[in-house]
Amino acid sequence: MKWIVDWAPAALSVLATLWQSHKGLRKDITSAQTEIDRILGRDPLGGTVTLSEGLSALQRDPLRVLVEISEEDRTVRVVSVKLRPSNE
């Protein structure tokens, strides 16, 4: 059964800014965002790392997102996105 993936407006804004300001990473950012959506839409509980109650993380180079997962209504909300430092 699929999950609904929703990006908070602030997270989408940051994603767009990252894409615009890092021309050399555009292909990687787009691929990572597509893969993040795929993972979250299929199995967010198995594809993320729990940070605290209600907040999980997922990394796909070069991005790291923080998400809120609602099992009750099978939705995942991306609340934060950032570039992952290359030395992590």
Protein backbone atom coordinates (compact mmCIF):
# COMPACT_ATOMS: atom_id res chain seq x y z
CA MET A 1 0.00 0.00 0.00
CA LYS A 2 1.41 3.38 -0.99
CA TRP A 3 2.03 6.39 1.20
CA ILE A 4 1.23 10.02 0.37
CA VAL A 5 4.35 12.18 0.28
CA ASP A 6 3.92 15.89 0.89
CA TRP A 7 6.68 18.50 0.87
CA ALA A 8 6.16 21.44 3.23
CA PRO A 9 6.31 24.77 1.33
CA ALA A 10 9.45 25.77 3.24
CA ALA A 11 11.19 22.52 2.29
CA LEU A 12 10.23 22.97 -1.37
CA SER A 13 11.56 26.51 -1.29
CA VAL A 14 14.91 25.34 0.10
CA LEU A 15 15.06 22.54 -2.47
CA ALA A 16 14.48 25.04 -5.29
CA THR A 17 17.14 27.38 -3.89
CA LEU A 18 19.65 24.53 -3.63
CA TRP A 19 18.93 23.48 -7.21
CA GLN A 20 19.30 27.03 -8.52
CA SER A 21 22.45 27.89 -6.60
CA HIS A 22 24.40 24.66 -7.18
CA LYS A 23 24.48 24.30 -10.96
CA GLY A 24 27.08 21.53 -10.81
CA LEU A 25 24.82 19.45 -8.58
CA ARG A 26 21.51 19.89 -10.37
CA LYS A 27 21.43 16.37 -11.81
CA ASP A 28 22.39 14.86 -8.43
CA ILE A 29 19.83 16.97 -6.55
CA THR A 30 17.08 15.97 -8.97
CA SER A 31 18.03 12.27 -8.76
CA ALA A 32 18.18 12.39 -4.97
CA GLN A 33 14.79 14.10 -4.71
CA THR A 34 13.24 11.50 -7.03
CA GLU A 35 14.74 8.66 -4.99
CA ILE A 36 13.58 10.26 -1.71
CA ASP A 37 10.03 10.50 -3.04
CA ARG A 38 10.17 6.87 -4.19
CA ILE A 39 11.43 5.56 -0.85
CA LEU A 40 8.98 7.62 1.19
CA GLY A 41 6.08 6.62 -1.03
CA ARG A 42 6.82 2.91 -0.68
CA ASP A 43 8.21 2.34 2.81
CA PRO A 44 9.00 5.41 4.91
CA LEU A 45 9.26 3.36 8.11
CA GLY A 46 11.89 1.05 6.67
CA GLY A 47 13.69 3.68 4.60
CA THR A 48 14.31 6.30 7.27
CA VAL A 49 16.20 6.61 10.54
CA THR A 50 14.18 7.68 13.58
CA LEU A 51 15.67 10.74 15.27
CA SER A 52 12.97 11.33 17.88
CA GLU A 53 9.31 10.56 18.27
CA GLY A 54 7.63 11.89 15.15
CA LEU A 55 10.80 12.91 13.31
CA SER A 56 12.91 10.77 10.97
CA ALA A 57 15.75 11.37 8.53
CA LEU A 58 16.62 10.09 5.09
CA GLN A 59 19.82 10.73 3.17
CA ARG A 60 20.37 10.35 -0.53
CA ASP A 61 23.46 12.15 -1.70
CA PRO A 62 23.67 15.04 -1.87
CA LEU A 63 20.46 15.63 0.12
CA ARG A 64 19.32 14.98 3.66
CA VAL A 65 15.65 15.39 4.56
CA LEU A 66 13.76 15.37 7.84
CA VAL A 67 10.27 13.92 7.71
CA GLU A 68 7.21 13.49 9.88
CA ILE A 69 5.50 10.14 9.38
CA SER A 70 1.83 9.59 10.20
CA GLU A 71 1.05 5.89 10.20
CA GLU A 72 -2.59 6.59 10.95
CA ASP A 73 -3.29 8.31 7.62
CA ARG A 74 -0.25 6.92 5.75
CA THR A 75 1.29 10.30 4.99
CA VAL A 76 4.85 11.52 5.06
CA ARG A 77 5.65 15.22 5.26
CA VAL A 78 9.11 16.43 4.28
CA VAL A 79 9.71 19.31 6.70
CA SER A 80 13.38 20.09 6.05
CA VAL A 81 15.95 19.57 3.31
CA LYS A 82 19.62 20.45 3.13
CA LEU A 83 22.77 19.58 1.26
CA ARG A 84 24.70 16.94 3.06
CA PRO A 85 28.33 17.95 3.56
CA SER A 86 30.60 15.83 1.39
CA ASN A 87 32.73 14.76 4.38
CA GLU A 88 29.87 13.14 6.35
